[in-house]
Protein backbone atom coordinates (compact mmCIF):
# COMPACT_ATOMS: atom_id res chain seq x y z
CA UNK A 1 78.21 -34.74 20.34
CA UNK A 2 76.85 -36.18 23.54
CA UNK A 3 73.10 -36.07 24.25
CA UNK A 4 72.09 -35.73 27.88
CA UNK A 5 68.45 -36.02 29.03
CA UNK A 6 67.41 -33.47 31.61
CA UNK A 7 64.64 -33.39 34.25
CA UNK A 8 61.54 -35.50 33.66
CA UNK A 9 57.95 -34.12 33.43
CA UNK A 10 55.07 -36.66 33.73
CA UNK A 11 51.41 -35.81 33.09
CA UNK A 12 48.38 -37.81 33.60
CA UNK A 13 48.74 -39.65 30.21
CA UNK A 14 51.71 -41.47 31.66
CA UNK A 15 54.06 -40.41 28.84
CA UNK A 16 57.31 -39.08 30.16
CA UNK A 17 58.75 -36.00 28.59
CA UNK A 18 62.38 -34.81 29.23
CA UNK A 19 64.25 -31.81 28.24
CA UNK A 20 67.40 -32.56 26.38
CA UNK A 21 70.68 -30.91 25.62
CA UNK A 22 73.86 -31.61 23.58
CA UNK A 23 77.39 -31.00 24.71
CA UNK A 24 80.24 -30.42 22.37
CA UNK A 25 83.50 -32.14 22.48
CA UNK A 26 85.91 -29.20 22.95
CA UNK A 27 84.61 -27.07 25.73
CA UNK A 28 83.74 -23.32 25.92
CA UNK A 29 82.18 -21.95 22.81
CA UNK A 30 81.95 -25.08 20.79
CA UNK A 31 78.36 -25.91 21.53
CA UNK A 32 77.37 -22.38 20.61
CA UNK A 33 79.27 -22.85 17.35
CA UNK A 34 77.27 -26.02 16.58
CA UNK A 35 74.08 -23.96 17.22
CA UNK A 36 75.18 -21.03 15.13
CA UNK A 37 76.96 -22.69 12.20
CA UNK A 38 73.86 -23.18 10.01
CA UNK A 39 72.29 -19.76 10.64
CA UNK A 40 71.40 -18.06 7.29
CA UNK A 41 72.09 -14.45 6.38
CA UNK A 42 68.42 -13.31 6.52
CA UNK A 43 67.47 -10.85 9.07
CA UNK A 44 64.20 -9.25 10.24
CA UNK A 45 64.70 -6.21 8.35
CA UNK A 46 66.29 -2.79 9.41
CA UNK A 47 64.94 -0.83 12.33
CA UNK A 48 65.11 2.94 12.73
CA UNK A 49 68.13 4.34 14.49
CA UNK A 50 67.89 3.73 18.29
CA UNK A 51 64.74 1.62 17.83
CA UNK A 52 64.88 -1.82 19.35
CA UNK A 53 63.28 -4.89 17.82
CA UNK A 54 60.28 -6.14 19.58
CA UNK A 55 60.40 -9.24 21.72
CA UNK A 56 58.11 -11.91 23.21
CA UNK A 57 57.83 -13.61 26.54
CA UNK A 58 55.92 -16.88 26.33
CA UNK A 59 54.80 -18.26 29.68
CA UNK A 60 53.65 -21.75 29.56
CA UNK A 61 51.57 -23.32 32.34
CA UNK A 62 52.17 -27.04 31.86
CA UNK A 63 49.31 -29.54 32.26
CA UNK A 64 46.37 -27.46 31.35
CA UNK A 65 45.30 -24.76 33.77
CA UNK A 66 41.61 -24.43 34.73
CA UNK A 67 40.14 -21.54 32.83
CA UNK A 68 37.00 -21.48 35.21
CA UNK A 69 39.17 -20.86 38.27
CA UNK A 70 41.51 -18.25 36.84
CA UNK A 71 40.16 -15.69 34.23
CA UNK A 72 36.71 -17.07 33.36
CA UNK A 73 34.85 -17.72 36.52
CA UNK A 74 31.11 -18.61 36.44
CA UNK A 75 29.57 -17.52 39.77
CA UNK A 76 25.91 -18.13 38.49
CA UNK A 77 26.63 -21.60 37.45
CA UNK A 78 25.51 -24.71 39.45
CA UNK A 79 27.97 -25.54 42.32
CA UNK A 80 29.29 -28.58 40.59
CA UNK A 81 30.59 -26.22 37.99
CA UNK A 82 31.37 -22.86 39.55
CA UNK A 83 33.84 -24.37 42.06
CA UNK A 84 35.14 -22.79 45.31
CA UNK A 85 36.60 -19.51 44.25
CA UNK A 86 34.98 -16.09 44.04
CA UNK A 87 35.35 -13.59 41.26
CA UNK A 88 36.73 -10.04 42.09
CA UNK A 89 36.29 -6.90 40.11
CA UNK A 90 39.22 -5.55 38.06
CA UNK A 91 40.04 -1.90 37.39
CA UNK A 92 38.36 -2.40 34.05
CA UNK A 93 34.61 -2.05 34.42
CA UNK A 94 32.58 -5.30 33.74
CA UNK A 95 35.70 -7.55 33.90
CA UNK A 96 36.10 -9.97 36.68
CA UNK A 97 38.83 -12.56 37.47
CA UNK A 98 39.68 -14.90 40.31
CA UNK A 99 39.99 -13.72 43.88
CA UNK A 100 43.61 -15.08 43.98
CA UNK A 101 44.64 -12.68 41.26
CA UNK A 102 44.31 -9.30 43.16
CA UNK A 103 47.51 -7.84 41.77
CA UNK A 104 46.38 -8.50 38.13
CA UNK A 105 42.90 -7.11 39.02
CA UNK A 106 44.38 -3.75 40.18
CA UNK A 107 46.38 -3.39 36.78
CA UNK A 108 43.99 -5.04 34.32
CA UNK A 109 43.92 -2.00 32.13
CA UNK A 110 47.44 -3.23 31.20
CA UNK A 111 46.20 -6.74 30.43
CA UNK A 112 43.79 -8.55 28.22
CA UNK A 113 42.26 -11.96 28.51
CA UNK A 114 40.91 -14.08 25.56
CA UNK A 115 38.14 -16.44 26.93
CA UNK A 116 37.17 -18.33 23.79
CA UNK A 117 40.18 -20.16 22.58
CA UNK A 118 39.55 -23.64 21.01
CA UNK A 119 42.45 -26.10 21.74
CA UNK A 120 43.16 -29.80 21.28
CA UNK A 121 43.44 -32.63 23.94
CA UNK A 122 47.26 -32.99 24.06
CA UNK A 123 49.80 -32.68 26.84
CA UNK A 124 52.43 -30.53 25.09
CA UNK A 125 53.43 -26.89 24.62
CA UNK A 126 54.00 -27.76 20.94
CA UNK A 127 50.60 -26.28 20.15
CA UNK A 128 51.01 -22.92 21.91
CA UNK A 129 54.61 -22.42 20.72
CA UNK A 130 54.30 -23.50 17.08
CA UNK A 131 50.53 -23.28 16.32
CA UNK A 132 50.45 -27.07 15.52
CA UNK A 133 49.71 -30.10 17.74
CA UNK A 134 52.58 -32.47 18.44
CA UNK A 135 50.95 -35.24 16.42
CA UNK A 136 51.19 -32.91 13.41
CA UNK A 137 54.73 -31.75 14.23
CA UNK A 138 56.04 -35.35 14.45
CA UNK A 139 56.23 -35.29 10.58
CA UNK A 140 55.71 -31.55 9.63
CA UNK A 141 58.16 -30.21 12.18
CA UNK A 142 56.86 -26.57 12.31
CA UNK A 143 59.27 -24.25 14.09
CA UNK A 144 58.44 -22.59 17.43
CA UNK A 145 57.93 -18.88 17.58
CA UNK A 146 61.33 -18.35 19.23
CA UNK A 147 62.91 -20.24 16.35
CA UNK A 148 61.17 -18.05 13.83
CA UNK A 149 62.44 -15.00 15.65
CA UNK A 150 65.99 -16.51 15.57
CA UNK A 151 65.82 -17.18 11.87
CA UNK A 152 64.65 -13.73 11.08
CA UNK A 153 67.21 -11.98 13.39
CA UNK A 154 70.19 -13.94 12.26
CA UNK A 155 72.16 -10.74 11.65
CA UNK A 156 71.41 -9.22 15.04
CA UNK A 157 74.06 -8.36 17.61
CA UNK A 158 76.64 -11.13 17.85
CA UNK A 159 76.65 -11.29 21.69
CA UNK A 160 72.78 -11.65 22.19
CA UNK A 161 71.10 -15.00 21.66
CA UNK A 162 67.79 -14.47 19.87
CA UNK A 163 65.92 -17.18 21.69
CA UNK A 164 66.34 -18.39 25.26
CA UNK A 165 64.28 -21.14 26.92
CA UNK A 166 64.32 -21.10 30.67
CA UNK A 167 62.73 -24.44 30.87
CA UNK A 168 65.30 -26.34 28.77
CA UNK A 169 65.05 -27.75 25.32
CA UNK A 170 61.62 -29.31 25.54
CA UNK A 171 58.90 -30.27 23.10
CA UNK A 172 57.53 -27.10 21.61
CA UNK A 173 60.80 -25.09 21.63
CA UNK A 174 62.25 -27.04 18.69
CA UNK A 175 63.17 -25.34 15.58
CA UNK A 176 61.73 -27.88 13.25
CA UNK A 177 62.65 -27.50 9.58
CA UNK A 178 64.49 -24.30 10.36
CA UNK A 179 67.42 -26.38 11.60
CA UNK A 180 69.44 -26.79 14.81
CA UNK A 181 70.96 -23.35 14.52
CA UNK A 182 67.67 -21.91 15.78
CA UNK A 183 67.22 -24.09 18.80
CA UNK A 184 66.89 -22.06 22.06
CA UNK A 185 69.76 -21.32 24.23
CA UNK A 186 69.17 -22.61 27.73
CA UNK A 187 70.98 -21.79 31.10
CA UNK A 188 71.71 -25.49 31.65
CA UNK A 189 72.17 -26.55 27.98
CA UNK A 190 73.99 -25.70 24.79
CA UNK A 191 74.88 -22.13 24.68
CA UNK A 192 74.27 -20.30 27.92
CA UNK A 193 76.14 -22.67 30.19
CA UNK A 194 79.13 -21.86 28.03
CA UNK A 195 78.74 -18.16 28.08
CA UNK A 196 81.65 -17.95 30.43
CA UNK A 197 85.40 -18.52 30.47
CA UNK A 198 85.91 -21.99 31.98
CA UNK A 199 88.38 -22.25 35.03
CA UNK A 200 91.89 -21.82 33.73
CA UNK A 201 90.87 -20.35 30.45
CA UNK A 202 92.08 -16.76 29.80
CA UNK A 203 91.56 -14.67 26.69
CA UNK A 204 94.75 -16.10 24.94
CA UNK A 205 93.67 -19.72 25.62
CA UNK A 206 90.19 -18.87 24.35
CA UNK A 207 91.67 -17.50 21.08
CA UNK A 208 93.72 -20.66 20.82
CA UNK A 209 90.58 -22.70 21.16
CA UNK A 210 88.96 -20.60 18.31
CA UNK A 211 91.89 -21.29 16.07
CA UNK A 212 91.79 -25.06 16.84
CA UNK A 213 88.00 -25.15 16.20
CA UNK A 214 88.34 -23.34 12.86
CA UNK A 215 90.88 -26.01 11.91
CA UNK A 216 88.72 -28.96 12.70
CA UNK A 217 85.73 -27.31 11.06
CA UNK A 218 87.66 -26.58 7.92
CA UNK A 219 88.20 -30.23 7.57
CA UNK A 220 84.57 -30.97 8.38
CA UNK A 221 83.36 -28.45 5.77
CA UNK A 222 85.57 -29.95 3.17
CA UNK A 223 83.86 -33.33 3.53
CA UNK A 224 80.31 -32.08 4.18
CA UNK A 225 78.44 -32.62 0.96
CA UNK A 226 75.18 -31.12 2.22
CA UNK A 227 76.65 -27.53 2.40
CA UNK A 228 75.49 -27.20 6.01
CA UNK A 229 78.97 -25.93 7.13
CA UNK A 230 79.01 -22.98 4.75
CA UNK A 231 79.62 -19.78 6.54
CA UNK A 232 81.11 -21.68 9.50
CA UNK A 233 83.93 -19.22 10.36
CA UNK A 234 81.63 -16.20 10.88
CA UNK A 235 79.22 -18.25 13.02
CA UNK A 236 81.99 -19.63 15.10
CA UNK A 237 83.26 -16.14 15.63
CA UNK A 238 79.88 -15.15 16.87
CA UNK A 239 79.89 -18.04 19.40
CA UNK A 240 83.20 -16.74 20.88
CA UNK A 241 82.09 -13.21 20.92
CA UNK A 242 79.05 -14.23 22.99
CA UNK A 243 81.35 -15.86 25.44
CA UNK A 244 83.76 -12.97 25.57
CA UNK A 245 80.98 -10.33 25.86
CA UNK A 246 79.27 -11.81 28.93
CA UNK A 247 76.07 -9.80 28.16
CA UNK A 248 73.84 -12.79 28.78
CA UNK A 249 75.89 -14.02 31.70
CA UNK A 250 75.25 -10.62 33.41
CA UNK A 251 71.53 -10.88 32.61
CA UNK A 252 71.31 -14.19 34.24
CA UNK A 253 73.18 -13.01 37.35
CA UNK A 254 70.17 -11.79 39.56
CA UNK A 255 72.61 -10.60 42.20
CA UNK A 256 72.96 -7.49 40.10
CA UNK A 257 69.50 -6.51 40.72
CA UNK A 258 68.37 -4.22 43.51
CA UNK A 259 67.77 -6.33 46.62
CA UNK A 260 64.25 -4.93 46.90
CA UNK A 261 63.39 -6.05 43.38
CA UNK A 262 64.81 -9.49 44.11
CA UNK A 263 62.59 -9.69 47.18
CA UNK A 264 59.54 -8.91 45.00
CA UNK A 265 60.36 -11.85 42.80
CA UNK A 266 61.38 -14.38 45.62
CA UNK A 267 60.20 -17.71 44.71
CA UNK A 268 59.37 -16.65 41.10
CA UNK A 269 62.82 -15.78 39.91
CA UNK A 270 62.16 -17.04 36.44
CA UNK A 271 59.95 -14.06 35.80
CA UNK A 272 62.79 -11.64 36.77
CA UNK A 273 65.22 -13.63 34.70
CA UNK A 274 62.93 -13.28 31.66
CA UNK A 275 62.64 -9.58 32.09
CA UNK A 276 66.41 -9.11 32.38
CA UNK A 277 67.16 -11.25 29.24
CA UNK A 278 64.51 -9.10 27.40
CA UNK A 279 66.23 -5.91 28.67
CA UNK A 280 69.53 -7.31 27.36
CA UNK A 281 68.04 -7.68 23.88
CA UNK A 282 66.90 -11.36 23.69
CA UNK A 283 64.14 -11.73 20.98
CA UNK A 284 62.12 -14.42 22.62
CA UNK A 285 62.10 -15.97 26.18
CA UNK A 286 59.96 -18.78 27.19
CA UNK A 287 59.47 -20.17 30.69
CA UNK A 288 57.17 -22.59 32.49
CA UNK A 289 55.55 -22.13 35.84
CA UNK A 290 53.87 -24.73 38.02
CA UNK A 291 51.95 -27.98 37.40
CA UNK A 292 48.30 -27.64 36.32
CA UNK A 293 47.21 -31.21 35.53
CA UNK A 294 44.71 -31.10 38.41
CA UNK A 295 42.56 -34.22 38.02
CA UNK A 296 42.40 -34.17 41.88
CA UNK A 297 42.93 -31.52 44.58
CA UNK A 298 42.25 -28.80 42.01
CA UNK A 299 41.30 -26.18 44.42
CA UNK A 300 43.94 -27.08 47.04
CA UNK A 301 46.58 -26.89 44.38
CA UNK A 302 45.41 -23.62 42.83
CA UNK A 303 45.10 -21.91 46.30
CA UNK A 304 48.85 -22.48 46.51
CA UNK A 305 49.82 -21.67 42.99
CA UNK A 306 47.67 -18.73 41.87
CA UNK A 307 49.02 -16.21 44.24
CA UNK A 308 52.55 -16.91 43.04
CA UNK A 309 51.53 -16.77 39.39
CA UNK A 310 49.66 -13.54 40.12
CA UNK A 311 52.86 -11.98 41.70
CA UNK A 312 54.98 -13.09 38.77
CA UNK A 313 52.74 -11.76 36.09
CA UNK A 314 51.98 -8.46 37.92
CA UNK A 315 55.69 -7.72 38.70
CA UNK A 316 56.79 -8.50 35.19
CA UNK A 317 54.20 -6.47 33.45
CA UNK A 318 54.69 -3.56 35.95
CA UNK A 319 58.39 -3.61 35.46
CA UNK A 320 58.10 -3.60 31.71
CA UNK A 321 55.92 -0.56 31.89
CA UNK A 322 58.33 1.23 34.31
CA UNK A 323 61.16 0.44 31.85
CA UNK A 324 59.11 1.92 28.98
CA UNK A 325 59.07 -1.46 27.29
CA UNK A 326 55.35 -2.03 27.34
CA UNK A 327 54.84 -1.58 23.57
CA UNK A 328 58.16 -3.44 22.67
CA UNK A 329 57.43 -6.65 24.44
CA UNK A 330 54.43 -8.90 24.04
CA UNK A 331 53.62 -11.43 26.93
CA UNK A 332 51.35 -14.45 26.66
CA UNK A 333 50.43 -16.69 29.54
CA UNK A 334 48.54 -19.83 28.78
CA UNK A 335 48.56 -23.69 28.79
CA UNK A 336 47.66 -26.37 26.28
CA UNK A 337 43.92 -26.60 26.97
CA UNK A 338 41.31 -25.84 29.68
CA UNK A 339 39.82 -28.16 32.19
CA UNK A 340 36.34 -29.70 32.57
CA UNK A 341 33.66 -27.36 33.71
CA UNK A 342 32.09 -30.08 35.84
CA UNK A 343 34.09 -30.93 38.96
CA UNK A 344 34.86 -34.63 39.35
CA UNK A 345 34.68 -36.71 42.53
CA UNK A 346 38.39 -37.17 42.82
CA UNK A 347 40.33 -36.35 46.06
CA UNK A 348 39.36 -32.78 46.98
CA UNK A 349 37.48 -32.34 43.70
CA UNK A 350 39.40 -32.14 40.34
CA UNK A 351 38.95 -31.05 36.85
CA UNK A 352 39.94 -33.16 33.84
CA UNK A 353 41.28 -32.16 30.38
CA UNK A 354 38.87 -29.77 28.36
CA UNK A 355 39.91 -28.87 24.83
CA UNK A 356 36.66 -27.21 23.61
CA UNK A 357 37.53 -23.88 25.35
CA UNK A 358 40.46 -22.19 27.28
CA UNK A 359 41.68 -18.80 28.25
CA UNK A 360 44.89 -16.90 27.66
CA UNK A 361 46.28 -13.76 29.16
CA UNK A 362 48.19 -11.31 26.89
CA UNK A 363 49.83 -8.01 27.56
CA UNK A 364 51.90 -5.37 25.79
CA UNK A 365 53.29 -5.32 22.14
CA UNK A 366 51.20 -2.21 21.29
CA UNK A 367 48.05 -4.32 21.46
CA UNK A 368 44.69 -3.07 22.86
CA UNK A 369 44.65 -3.80 26.53
CA UNK A 370 41.99 -3.47 29.22
CA UNK A 371 39.43 -5.97 27.84
CA UNK A 372 38.01 -9.47 27.89
CA UNK A 373 37.83 -10.84 24.34
CA UNK A 374 35.33 -13.56 23.60
CA UNK A 375 33.08 -15.43 26.05
CA UNK A 376 32.41 -19.04 27.01
CA UNK A 377 29.00 -20.48 27.69
CA UNK A 378 27.16 -20.06 30.94
CA UNK A 379 28.92 -23.08 32.41
CA UNK A 380 32.24 -22.61 30.75
CA UNK A 381 31.77 -25.54 28.31
CA UNK A 382 32.37 -24.05 24.87
CA UNK A 383 32.89 -20.59 23.21
CA UNK A 384 29.60 -18.66 23.22
CA UNK A 385 31.02 -15.79 21.12
CA UNK A 386 34.15 -14.90 19.11
CA UNK A 387 35.75 -18.41 19.06
CA UNK A 388 39.46 -18.29 18.20
CA UNK A 389 42.17 -20.91 17.76
CA UNK A 390 45.69 -20.91 19.03
CA UNK A 391 47.06 -19.94 15.57
CA UNK A 392 44.87 -16.78 15.76
CA UNK A 393 46.50 -15.86 18.98
CA UNK A 394 50.06 -16.60 17.59
CA UNK A 395 49.28 -14.63 14.44
CA UNK A 396 48.35 -11.64 16.64
CA UNK A 397 51.65 -11.99 18.49
CA UNK A 398 53.69 -12.26 15.19
CA UNK A 399 52.11 -9.12 13.98
CA UNK A 400 52.80 -7.28 17.16
CA UNK A 401 56.46 -8.33 16.67
CA UNK A 402 56.42 -6.95 13.13
CA UNK A 403 56.55 -10.45 11.54
CA UNK A 404 54.21 -11.34 8.74
CA UNK A 405 52.59 -14.77 9.67
CA UNK A 406 52.10 -15.37 5.98
CA UNK A 407 55.87 -15.53 5.37
CA UNK A 408 57.20 -18.80 4.17
CA UNK A 409 60.37 -20.86 4.82
CA UNK A 410 61.46 -23.98 2.90
CA UNK A 411 61.11 -27.21 4.91
CA UNK A 412 63.59 -30.03 4.58
CA UNK A 413 62.19 -31.12 1.33
CA UNK A 414 62.48 -27.67 -0.19
CA UNK A 415 58.73 -26.93 0.00
CA UNK A 416 57.74 -23.46 1.02
CA UNK A 417 55.76 -23.54 4.31
CA UNK A 418 53.78 -20.66 5.88
CA UNK A 419 54.64 -19.83 9.48
CA UNK A 420 50.91 -20.36 10.17
CA UNK A 421 48.05 -21.71 8.13
CA UNK A 422 45.35 -19.68 9.99
CA UNK A 423 46.67 -16.26 9.84
CA UNK A 424 43.58 -14.31 11.04
CA UNK A 425 44.47 -12.21 14.13
CA UNK A 426 42.34 -11.60 17.15
CA UNK A 427 40.83 -8.44 15.78
CA UNK A 428 39.87 -6.96 19.12
CA UNK A 429 43.49 -6.67 20.12
CA UNK A 430 44.79 -5.01 16.89
């Protein structure tokens, strides 16, 4: 295997983070086989005839978005706290959000915001994807929500990957102790880049490669004392079926969309891609939008980014409703922490990291919408009522997906581990 490091992300802590991918040695299908070979035979349980399994869209705002300038404005706070933006009324009485979110405001009966989430001071989506901070996961290796879905739906349709990351294989999307078979498929990494027949490869040559791969893997399985290669043939078969089917390839091809729809998503195509992948049957899609580490120029940056985020969220949620998927798909929008209520004196006025409280937007999944859950203090410094933690939010999402967050999986040492340790849901949403 060859490991390549993708685009670099750099936040204010100076630590570089790169997405990563591995490429197999034999070409089309082989990286998929590597990802699939250690899947187990466990599934997420039967569904009624014609009933689709529920899915999740996890939208990550990297860098830590400012809660006080988005979904939790404080117009009565002193000027050095309240900032430059005005609140506007939503179509839910008593709920206000930022003036740069007019599309969400008009459809807030289809959304809910949690304004009292306690976080940790850490630049990573490990927390919001796994429920555990990166400093814990360096040793504990808890899996991301997408990897859990992958593990539980191992017997799902062969031509649909259960977990797709539109932001590459980054910290937080990792499968941890569930194993590499449950890493996400990515458009530019292992899996989705090979969901096509390479130039010069026809169906017969693809079948020849399948046979060659099986021969090599039979040898590898014979010398593999760990047993990780068991069931290889069926998993390799699934990899080739995914290539031959082209279901995901078609979902990624936005030219198949109505031009008027593409125009609505112009500049925010990731949101449309996520919707199309969910329509195709993917169990979890994660994407990242923007850069929110606004130690300086906070308001200048947000004036540019917030309207695009507003359009992405509103179009996505409206489309899911139009498709009748509002109860089958739960969407979460959040970052790793909030930002300081008091504005600093940096260029243009900035806000620094603030872990004591942050906000998250949530929609769908059969949850109770049209409300603001919890509240922060008058100056947005800490939870004033109904404090929740990230694991409470993820527990709610798991329940919406029909997954018991008290379920256990064995880690690498054979010890049973709960999906989450704090499994109490956000009761207002249930």
